[in-house]
């Protein structure tokens, strides 16, 4: 029995949910101290972890404006990109939920565009936009799910 791993800990890279959680909390310590919540949840295929979905969210009514957090987030994303591979959908791999006057709406960005601050058009992520959450998926290296054509 001592040789059996929990199924959510067995993947090809040895990457665990706790390691991803620690990485995010350590690299976002200032924002975590300011109320940022980090939630890491594994996605499975055939009982193996294939990626980790990470959600960074601010407490209700404590949402921060992009201009208040962008320096911390950009530094974090730089470390993230160097350490892990992110999954992308149509070239975009970071989802940021912004709060409008009446509703919250999501938008997708490429990590490189955020890091270089070259969002086109720039009004898609303005400094005065309130951010409720940021999401991305970290790929477990060495694992590919076959997608038939």
N, C-alpha and C. Protein backbone atom coordinates (compact mmCIF):
# COMPACT_ATOMS: atom_id res chain seq x y z
N UNK A 1 0.81 -1.20 0.00
CA UNK A 1 0.00 0.00 0.00
C UNK A 1 0.85 1.27 0.00
N UNK A 2 2.03 1.20 0.58
CA UNK A 2 2.83 2.41 0.63
C UNK A 2 3.33 2.84 -0.74
N UNK A 3 3.23 1.95 -1.74
CA UNK A 3 3.70 2.28 -3.09
C UNK A 3 2.61 2.91 -3.95
N UNK A 4 1.39 2.94 -3.45
CA UNK A 4 0.29 3.48 -4.23
C UNK A 4 0.20 4.98 -3.99
N UNK A 5 0.26 5.73 -5.08
CA UNK A 5 0.09 7.19 -4.99
C UNK A 5 -1.36 7.53 -5.16
N UNK A 6 -1.75 8.66 -4.60
CA UNK A 6 -3.08 9.17 -4.89
C UNK A 6 -3.13 9.46 -6.38
N UNK A 7 -4.27 9.18 -7.02
CA UNK A 7 -4.32 9.36 -8.47
C UNK A 7 -4.13 10.79 -8.89
N UNK A 8 -4.38 11.78 -8.03
CA UNK A 8 -4.17 13.16 -8.43
C UNK A 8 -2.72 13.61 -8.24
N UNK A 9 -1.86 12.71 -7.77
CA UNK A 9 -0.45 13.04 -7.62
C UNK A 9 0.42 12.35 -8.65
N UNK A 10 -0.17 11.46 -9.44
CA UNK A 10 0.64 10.72 -10.39
C UNK A 10 0.51 11.32 -11.78
N UNK A 11 1.55 11.97 -12.21
CA UNK A 11 1.60 12.48 -13.58
C UNK A 11 3.03 12.39 -14.06
N UNK A 12 3.22 12.63 -15.32
CA UNK A 12 4.52 12.37 -15.93
C UNK A 12 5.61 13.33 -15.46
N UNK A 13 5.26 14.48 -14.98
CA UNK A 13 6.27 15.44 -14.56
C UNK A 13 6.50 15.42 -13.06
N UNK A 14 5.60 14.78 -12.32
CA UNK A 14 5.70 14.80 -10.88
C UNK A 14 5.18 16.11 -10.30
N UNK A 15 4.56 16.93 -11.11
CA UNK A 15 4.02 18.20 -10.67
C UNK A 15 2.75 17.96 -9.87
N UNK A 16 2.66 18.56 -8.71
CA UNK A 16 1.48 18.37 -7.86
C UNK A 16 0.68 19.65 -7.73
N UNK A 17 -0.54 19.49 -7.30
CA UNK A 17 -1.42 20.63 -7.05
C UNK A 17 -0.80 21.58 -6.02
N UNK A 18 -0.18 21.00 -4.99
CA UNK A 18 0.44 21.80 -3.93
C UNK A 18 1.62 22.61 -4.46
N UNK A 19 2.40 22.04 -5.39
CA UNK A 19 3.52 22.78 -5.97
C UNK A 19 3.04 23.98 -6.77
N UNK A 20 1.97 23.80 -7.53
CA UNK A 20 1.42 24.89 -8.32
C UNK A 20 0.87 25.97 -7.38
N UNK A 21 0.15 25.54 -6.35
CA UNK A 21 -0.41 26.47 -5.35
C UNK A 21 0.70 27.29 -4.70
N UNK A 22 1.76 26.60 -4.25
CA UNK A 22 2.89 27.28 -3.61
C UNK A 22 3.56 28.26 -4.56
N UNK A 23 3.78 27.84 -5.81
CA UNK A 23 4.41 28.72 -6.79
C UNK A 23 3.61 30.01 -6.94
N UNK A 24 2.29 29.88 -7.08
CA UNK A 24 1.44 31.06 -7.26
C UNK A 24 1.44 31.94 -6.02
N UNK A 25 1.29 31.34 -4.85
CA UNK A 25 1.22 32.14 -3.62
C UNK A 25 2.54 32.84 -3.30
N UNK A 26 3.65 32.16 -3.55
CA UNK A 26 4.95 32.77 -3.29
C UNK A 26 5.21 33.93 -4.24
N UNK A 27 4.90 33.73 -5.52
CA UNK A 27 5.17 34.77 -6.51
C UNK A 27 4.14 35.89 -6.53
N UNK A 28 3.05 35.70 -5.82
CA UNK A 28 2.01 36.73 -5.71
C UNK A 28 1.78 37.11 -4.24
N UNK A 29 2.81 36.98 -3.42
CA UNK A 29 2.68 37.17 -1.97
C UNK A 29 2.05 38.52 -1.61
N UNK A 30 2.47 39.57 -2.26
CA UNK A 30 1.94 40.91 -1.94
C UNK A 30 0.42 40.95 -2.19
N UNK A 31 -0.01 40.41 -3.32
CA UNK A 31 -1.44 40.42 -3.64
C UNK A 31 -2.22 39.44 -2.76
N UNK A 32 -1.60 38.31 -2.40
CA UNK A 32 -2.25 37.36 -1.49
C UNK A 32 -2.47 38.04 -0.14
N UNK A 33 -1.48 38.77 0.34
CA UNK A 33 -1.64 39.52 1.60
C UNK A 33 -2.73 40.57 1.50
N UNK A 34 -2.99 41.02 0.28
CA UNK A 34 -4.00 42.06 0.04
C UNK A 34 -5.37 41.47 -0.31
N UNK A 35 -5.53 40.15 -0.16
CA UNK A 35 -6.84 39.54 -0.36
C UNK A 35 -7.02 38.65 -1.56
N UNK A 36 -5.97 38.49 -2.39
CA UNK A 36 -6.07 37.62 -3.55
C UNK A 36 -6.19 36.17 -3.09
N UNK A 37 -7.11 35.43 -3.69
CA UNK A 37 -7.29 34.00 -3.42
C UNK A 37 -6.74 33.22 -4.60
N UNK A 38 -6.02 32.15 -4.32
CA UNK A 38 -5.46 31.29 -5.35
C UNK A 38 -6.15 29.93 -5.24
N UNK A 39 -6.78 29.51 -6.32
CA UNK A 39 -7.43 28.20 -6.36
C UNK A 39 -6.82 27.40 -7.50
N UNK A 40 -6.33 26.21 -7.18
CA UNK A 40 -5.74 25.32 -8.18
C UNK A 40 -6.58 24.06 -8.22
N UNK A 41 -7.02 23.69 -9.43
CA UNK A 41 -7.81 22.46 -9.56
C UNK A 41 -7.30 21.66 -10.76
N UNK A 42 -7.07 20.37 -10.55
CA UNK A 42 -6.56 19.52 -11.63
C UNK A 42 -7.64 19.12 -12.61
N UNK A 43 -7.27 18.97 -13.87
CA UNK A 43 -8.12 18.39 -14.91
C UNK A 43 -7.56 17.01 -15.21
N UNK A 44 -8.46 16.05 -15.37
CA UNK A 44 -8.05 14.66 -15.57
C UNK A 44 -8.44 14.14 -16.94
N UNK A 45 -7.63 13.20 -17.43
CA UNK A 45 -7.97 12.41 -18.60
C UNK A 45 -7.46 11.02 -18.33
N UNK A 46 -8.33 10.05 -18.38
CA UNK A 46 -7.96 8.66 -18.13
C UNK A 46 -7.27 8.51 -16.77
N UNK A 47 -7.83 9.17 -15.75
CA UNK A 47 -7.34 9.15 -14.37
C UNK A 47 -5.94 9.73 -14.18
N UNK A 48 -5.48 10.49 -15.15
CA UNK A 48 -4.18 11.15 -15.02
C UNK A 48 -4.39 12.66 -15.11
N UNK A 49 -3.63 13.38 -14.32
CA UNK A 49 -3.69 14.83 -14.37
C UNK A 49 -3.06 15.28 -15.67
N UNK A 50 -3.80 16.07 -16.45
CA UNK A 50 -3.25 16.57 -17.72
C UNK A 50 -2.94 18.06 -17.65
N UNK A 51 -3.60 18.76 -16.74
CA UNK A 51 -3.29 20.18 -16.54
C UNK A 51 -3.89 20.64 -15.23
N UNK A 52 -3.46 21.82 -14.81
CA UNK A 52 -3.99 22.45 -13.61
C UNK A 52 -4.62 23.78 -13.99
N UNK A 53 -5.87 23.97 -13.63
CA UNK A 53 -6.55 25.24 -13.86
C UNK A 53 -6.30 26.10 -12.63
N UNK A 54 -5.79 27.29 -12.86
CA UNK A 54 -5.47 28.21 -11.77
C UNK A 54 -6.39 29.41 -11.88
N UNK A 55 -7.04 29.74 -10.77
CA UNK A 55 -7.91 30.91 -10.70
C UNK A 55 -7.38 31.84 -9.61
N UNK A 56 -7.09 33.07 -9.99
CA UNK A 56 -6.67 34.10 -9.06
C UNK A 56 -7.86 35.05 -8.94
N UNK A 57 -8.42 35.16 -7.75
CA UNK A 57 -9.62 36.00 -7.61
C UNK A 57 -9.52 36.92 -6.40
N UNK A 58 -10.16 38.05 -6.55
CA UNK A 58 -10.21 39.03 -5.47
C UNK A 58 -11.53 38.91 -4.74
N UNK A 59 -11.50 39.23 -3.46
CA UNK A 59 -12.73 39.20 -2.66
C UNK A 59 -13.77 40.13 -3.26
N UNK A 60 -15.02 39.75 -3.09
CA UNK A 60 -16.12 40.58 -3.56
C UNK A 60 -16.00 41.97 -2.94
N UNK A 61 -16.19 42.98 -3.70
CA UNK A 61 -16.10 44.38 -3.31
C UNK A 61 -14.67 44.84 -2.99
N UNK A 62 -13.69 43.95 -3.21
CA UNK A 62 -12.30 44.34 -3.01
C UNK A 62 -11.54 44.20 -4.33
N UNK A 63 -12.27 44.24 -5.42
CA UNK A 63 -11.64 44.09 -6.72
C UNK A 63 -10.64 45.23 -6.95
N UNK A 64 -9.57 44.89 -7.61
CA UNK A 64 -8.51 45.86 -7.87
C UNK A 64 -8.57 46.31 -9.32
N UNK A 65 -8.14 47.51 -9.53
CA UNK A 65 -8.02 48.02 -10.90
C UNK A 65 -6.72 47.48 -11.50
N UNK A 66 -6.74 47.27 -12.81
CA UNK A 66 -5.57 46.72 -13.50
C UNK A 66 -4.33 47.55 -13.20
N UNK A 67 -4.45 48.85 -13.18
CA UNK A 67 -3.30 49.72 -12.90
C UNK A 67 -2.71 49.50 -11.52
N UNK A 68 -3.51 49.03 -10.56
CA UNK A 68 -3.03 48.77 -9.20
C UNK A 68 -2.26 47.45 -9.08
N UNK A 69 -2.56 46.50 -9.94
CA UNK A 69 -1.99 45.16 -9.78
C UNK A 69 -1.09 44.73 -10.93
N UNK A 70 -1.08 45.47 -12.03
CA UNK A 70 -0.41 44.97 -13.24
C UNK A 70 1.08 44.72 -13.05
N UNK A 71 1.78 45.54 -12.27
CA UNK A 71 3.22 45.31 -12.08
C UNK A 71 3.47 43.96 -11.40
N UNK A 72 2.65 43.63 -10.40
CA UNK A 72 2.78 42.35 -9.70
C UNK A 72 2.39 41.19 -10.61
N UNK A 73 1.31 41.37 -11.36
CA UNK A 73 0.83 40.31 -12.24
C UNK A 73 1.81 40.06 -13.38
N UNK A 74 2.34 41.11 -13.98
CA UNK A 74 3.29 40.95 -15.08
C UNK A 74 4.56 40.24 -14.60
N UNK A 75 5.05 40.60 -13.42
CA UNK A 75 6.22 39.91 -12.88
C UNK A 75 5.91 38.43 -12.63
N UNK A 76 4.73 38.15 -12.09
CA UNK A 76 4.30 36.77 -11.86
C UNK A 76 4.20 36.00 -13.19
N UNK A 77 3.57 36.61 -14.18
CA UNK A 77 3.41 35.94 -15.48
C UNK A 77 4.75 35.66 -16.15
N UNK A 78 5.72 36.53 -15.93
CA UNK A 78 7.06 36.30 -16.47
C UNK A 78 7.67 35.05 -15.84
N UNK A 79 7.58 34.93 -14.52
CA UNK A 79 8.08 33.72 -13.83
C UNK A 79 7.30 32.49 -14.27
N UNK A 80 5.99 32.64 -14.40
CA UNK A 80 5.12 31.53 -14.79
C UNK A 80 5.51 31.01 -16.17
N UNK A 81 5.69 31.91 -17.11
CA UNK A 81 6.05 31.53 -18.49
C UNK A 81 7.40 30.81 -18.52
N UNK A 82 8.34 31.24 -17.69
CA UNK A 82 9.66 30.62 -17.65
C UNK A 82 9.64 29.24 -16.99
N UNK A 83 8.71 29.03 -16.09
CA UNK A 83 8.65 27.80 -15.31
C UNK A 83 7.74 26.73 -15.90
N UNK A 84 6.62 27.15 -16.49
CA UNK A 84 5.60 26.21 -16.95
C UNK A 84 5.16 26.52 -18.38
N UNK A 85 4.50 25.54 -18.97
CA UNK A 85 3.88 25.73 -20.28
C UNK A 85 2.39 25.93 -20.06
N UNK A 86 1.84 26.96 -20.65
CA UNK A 86 0.41 27.24 -20.51
C UNK A 86 -0.35 26.69 -21.70
N UNK A 87 -1.55 26.23 -21.44
CA UNK A 87 -2.42 25.79 -22.52
C UNK A 87 -3.03 27.02 -23.17
N UNK A 88 -3.22 26.96 -24.47
CA UNK A 88 -3.78 28.09 -25.20
C UNK A 88 -5.00 27.65 -26.01
N UNK A 89 -5.95 28.54 -26.10
CA UNK A 89 -7.10 28.34 -26.98
C UNK A 89 -7.08 29.45 -28.01
N UNK A 90 -6.88 29.08 -29.25
CA UNK A 90 -6.80 30.04 -30.35
C UNK A 90 -5.72 31.09 -30.11
N UNK A 91 -4.61 30.68 -29.51
CA UNK A 91 -3.49 31.57 -29.28
C UNK A 91 -3.57 32.39 -28.01
N UNK A 92 -4.67 32.32 -27.32
CA UNK A 92 -4.85 33.10 -26.08
C UNK A 92 -4.79 32.15 -24.90
N UNK A 93 -4.04 32.51 -23.85
CA UNK A 93 -3.91 31.59 -22.74
C UNK A 93 -4.16 32.19 -21.36
N UNK A 94 -4.54 33.44 -21.30
CA UNK A 94 -4.88 34.08 -20.03
C UNK A 94 -6.28 34.67 -20.13
N UNK A 95 -7.15 34.27 -19.23
CA UNK A 95 -8.50 34.85 -19.18
C UNK A 95 -8.54 35.84 -18.03
N UNK A 96 -9.00 37.03 -18.32
CA UNK A 96 -9.15 38.06 -17.28
C UNK A 96 -10.61 38.50 -17.28
N UNK A 97 -11.25 38.38 -16.12
CA UNK A 97 -12.63 38.84 -15.97
C UNK A 97 -12.62 40.26 -15.42
N UNK A 98 -13.26 41.15 -16.16
CA UNK A 98 -13.32 42.56 -15.78
C UNK A 98 -14.74 42.92 -15.41
N UNK A 99 -14.87 43.88 -14.52
CA UNK A 99 -16.19 44.29 -14.05
C UNK A 99 -16.58 45.57 -14.76
N UNK A 100 -17.69 45.48 -15.50
CA UNK A 100 -18.23 46.65 -16.18
C UNK A 100 -19.24 47.34 -15.30
N UNK A 101 -20.00 48.23 -15.86
CA UNK A 101 -20.97 48.99 -15.08
C UNK A 101 -22.12 48.11 -14.58
N UNK A 102 -22.50 47.10 -15.34
CA UNK A 102 -23.63 46.27 -14.94
C UNK A 102 -23.30 44.79 -14.84
N UNK A 103 -22.17 44.36 -15.37
CA UNK A 103 -21.89 42.93 -15.41
C UNK A 103 -20.39 42.67 -15.45
N UNK A 104 -20.02 41.43 -15.21
CA UNK A 104 -18.64 41.00 -15.35
C UNK A 104 -18.49 40.34 -16.71
N UNK A 105 -17.45 40.69 -17.42
CA UNK A 105 -17.24 40.09 -18.73
C UNK A 105 -15.80 39.60 -18.86
N UNK A 106 -15.63 38.43 -19.49
CA UNK A 106 -14.29 37.87 -19.67
C UNK A 106 -13.66 38.33 -20.98
N UNK A 107 -12.34 38.34 -21.00
CA UNK A 107 -11.61 38.56 -22.23
C UNK A 107 -10.37 37.67 -22.17
N UNK A 108 -9.91 37.20 -23.32
CA UNK A 108 -8.76 36.32 -23.43
C UNK A 108 -7.57 37.08 -24.00
N UNK A 109 -6.39 36.80 -23.43
CA UNK A 109 -5.17 37.48 -23.84
C UNK A 109 -4.05 36.47 -24.00
N UNK A 110 -3.03 36.85 -24.76
CA UNK A 110 -1.82 36.06 -24.86
C UNK A 110 -0.86 36.53 -23.78
N UNK A 111 -0.22 35.60 -23.09
CA UNK A 111 0.68 35.96 -21.99
C UNK A 111 1.79 36.90 -22.44
N UNK A 112 2.32 36.69 -23.64
CA UNK A 112 3.40 37.55 -24.13
C UNK A 112 2.93 38.98 -24.35
N UNK A 113 1.69 39.15 -24.79
CA UNK A 113 1.14 40.50 -24.99
C UNK A 113 0.97 41.23 -23.65
N UNK A 114 0.56 40.50 -22.62
CA UNK A 114 0.41 41.13 -21.30
C UNK A 114 1.77 41.52 -20.75
N UNK A 115 2.73 40.59 -20.83
CA UNK A 115 4.06 40.86 -20.29
C UNK A 115 4.70 42.06 -21.00
N UNK A 116 4.57 42.14 -22.31
CA UNK A 116 5.17 43.24 -23.06
C UNK A 116 4.30 44.49 -23.05
N UNK A 117 3.11 44.38 -22.44
CA UNK A 117 2.14 45.47 -22.39
C UNK A 117 1.80 45.98 -23.78
N UNK A 118 1.62 45.04 -24.70
CA UNK A 118 1.26 45.38 -26.08
C UNK A 118 -0.09 44.77 -26.43
N UNK A 119 -1.09 45.08 -25.63
CA UNK A 119 -2.45 44.63 -25.89
C UNK A 119 -3.01 45.48 -27.02
N UNK A 120 -3.61 44.84 -28.00
CA UNK A 120 -4.20 45.57 -29.13
C UNK A 120 -5.68 45.26 -29.19
N UNK A 121 -6.54 46.25 -29.19
CA UNK A 121 -6.25 47.64 -28.86
C UNK A 121 -5.99 47.79 -27.36
N UNK A 122 -5.28 48.83 -27.00
CA UNK A 122 -4.89 49.05 -25.60
C UNK A 122 -6.11 49.18 -24.69
N UNK A 123 -7.23 49.60 -25.22
CA UNK A 123 -8.44 49.78 -24.40
C UNK A 123 -9.03 48.46 -23.93
N UNK A 124 -8.55 47.32 -24.46
CA UNK A 124 -9.04 46.01 -24.00
C UNK A 124 -8.67 45.74 -22.55
N UNK A 125 -7.56 46.34 -22.08
CA UNK A 125 -7.10 46.13 -20.71
C UNK A 125 -6.54 47.44 -20.18
N UNK A 126 -7.43 48.38 -19.93
CA UNK A 126 -7.02 49.71 -19.47
C UNK A 126 -6.74 49.70 -17.97
N UNK A 127 -5.90 50.63 -17.51
CA UNK A 127 -5.51 50.71 -16.11
C UNK A 127 -6.68 50.89 -15.16
N UNK A 128 -7.77 51.50 -15.62
CA UNK A 128 -8.90 51.77 -14.72
C UNK A 128 -9.90 50.62 -14.67
N UNK A 129 -9.69 49.53 -15.40
CA UNK A 129 -10.62 48.39 -15.38
C UNK A 129 -10.48 47.62 -14.08
N UNK A 130 -11.62 47.31 -13.47
CA UNK A 130 -11.63 46.49 -12.26
C UNK A 130 -11.51 45.03 -12.66
N UNK A 131 -10.64 44.32 -11.96
CA UNK A 131 -10.38 42.92 -12.26
C UNK A 131 -10.99 42.06 -11.15
N UNK A 132 -11.81 41.08 -11.55
CA UNK A 132 -12.36 40.17 -10.54
C UNK A 132 -11.59 38.87 -10.47
N UNK A 133 -11.12 38.37 -11.63
CA UNK A 133 -10.30 37.16 -11.58
C UNK A 133 -9.46 37.02 -12.83
N UNK A 134 -8.41 36.20 -12.67
CA UNK A 134 -7.49 35.87 -13.75
C UNK A 134 -7.39 34.35 -13.76
N UNK A 135 -7.52 33.74 -14.93
CA UNK A 135 -7.45 32.28 -15.04
C UNK A 135 -6.49 31.85 -16.14
N UNK A 136 -5.88 30.69 -15.92
CA UNK A 136 -5.03 30.07 -16.92
C UNK A 136 -4.88 28.60 -16.57
N UNK A 137 -4.37 27.83 -17.54
CA UNK A 137 -4.13 26.40 -17.32
C UNK A 137 -2.66 26.09 -17.54
N UNK A 138 -2.08 25.38 -16.57
CA UNK A 138 -0.70 24.93 -16.67
C UNK A 138 -0.71 23.50 -17.19
N UNK A 139 -0.01 23.30 -18.28
CA UNK A 139 0.05 21.97 -18.90
C UNK A 139 1.04 21.09 -18.14
N UNK A 140 0.66 19.85 -17.95
CA UNK A 140 1.59 18.87 -17.40
C UNK A 140 2.47 18.43 -18.56
N UNK A 141 3.74 18.75 -18.50
CA UNK A 141 4.66 18.47 -19.61
C UNK A 141 4.76 16.98 -19.89
N UNK A 142 4.85 16.68 -21.16
CA UNK A 142 5.01 15.29 -21.55
C UNK A 142 3.70 14.55 -21.71
N UNK A 143 2.58 15.23 -21.53
CA UNK A 143 1.30 14.55 -21.66
C UNK A 143 0.50 15.22 -22.75
N UNK A 144 0.12 14.47 -23.74
CA UNK A 144 -0.70 14.98 -24.83
C UNK A 144 -1.96 14.14 -24.92
N UNK A 145 -3.09 14.79 -25.05
CA UNK A 145 -4.34 14.09 -25.28
C UNK A 145 -4.54 14.01 -26.77
N UNK A 146 -4.74 12.81 -27.31
CA UNK A 146 -4.93 12.65 -28.74
C UNK A 146 -6.26 13.25 -29.15
N UNK A 147 -6.24 14.10 -30.14
CA UNK A 147 -7.45 14.70 -30.68
C UNK A 147 -7.54 14.29 -32.13
N UNK A 148 -8.49 13.42 -32.43
CA UNK A 148 -8.65 12.92 -33.80
C UNK A 148 -9.21 13.99 -34.71
N UNK A 149 -8.86 13.90 -35.95
CA UNK A 149 -9.34 14.88 -36.93
C UNK A 149 -10.68 14.48 -37.47
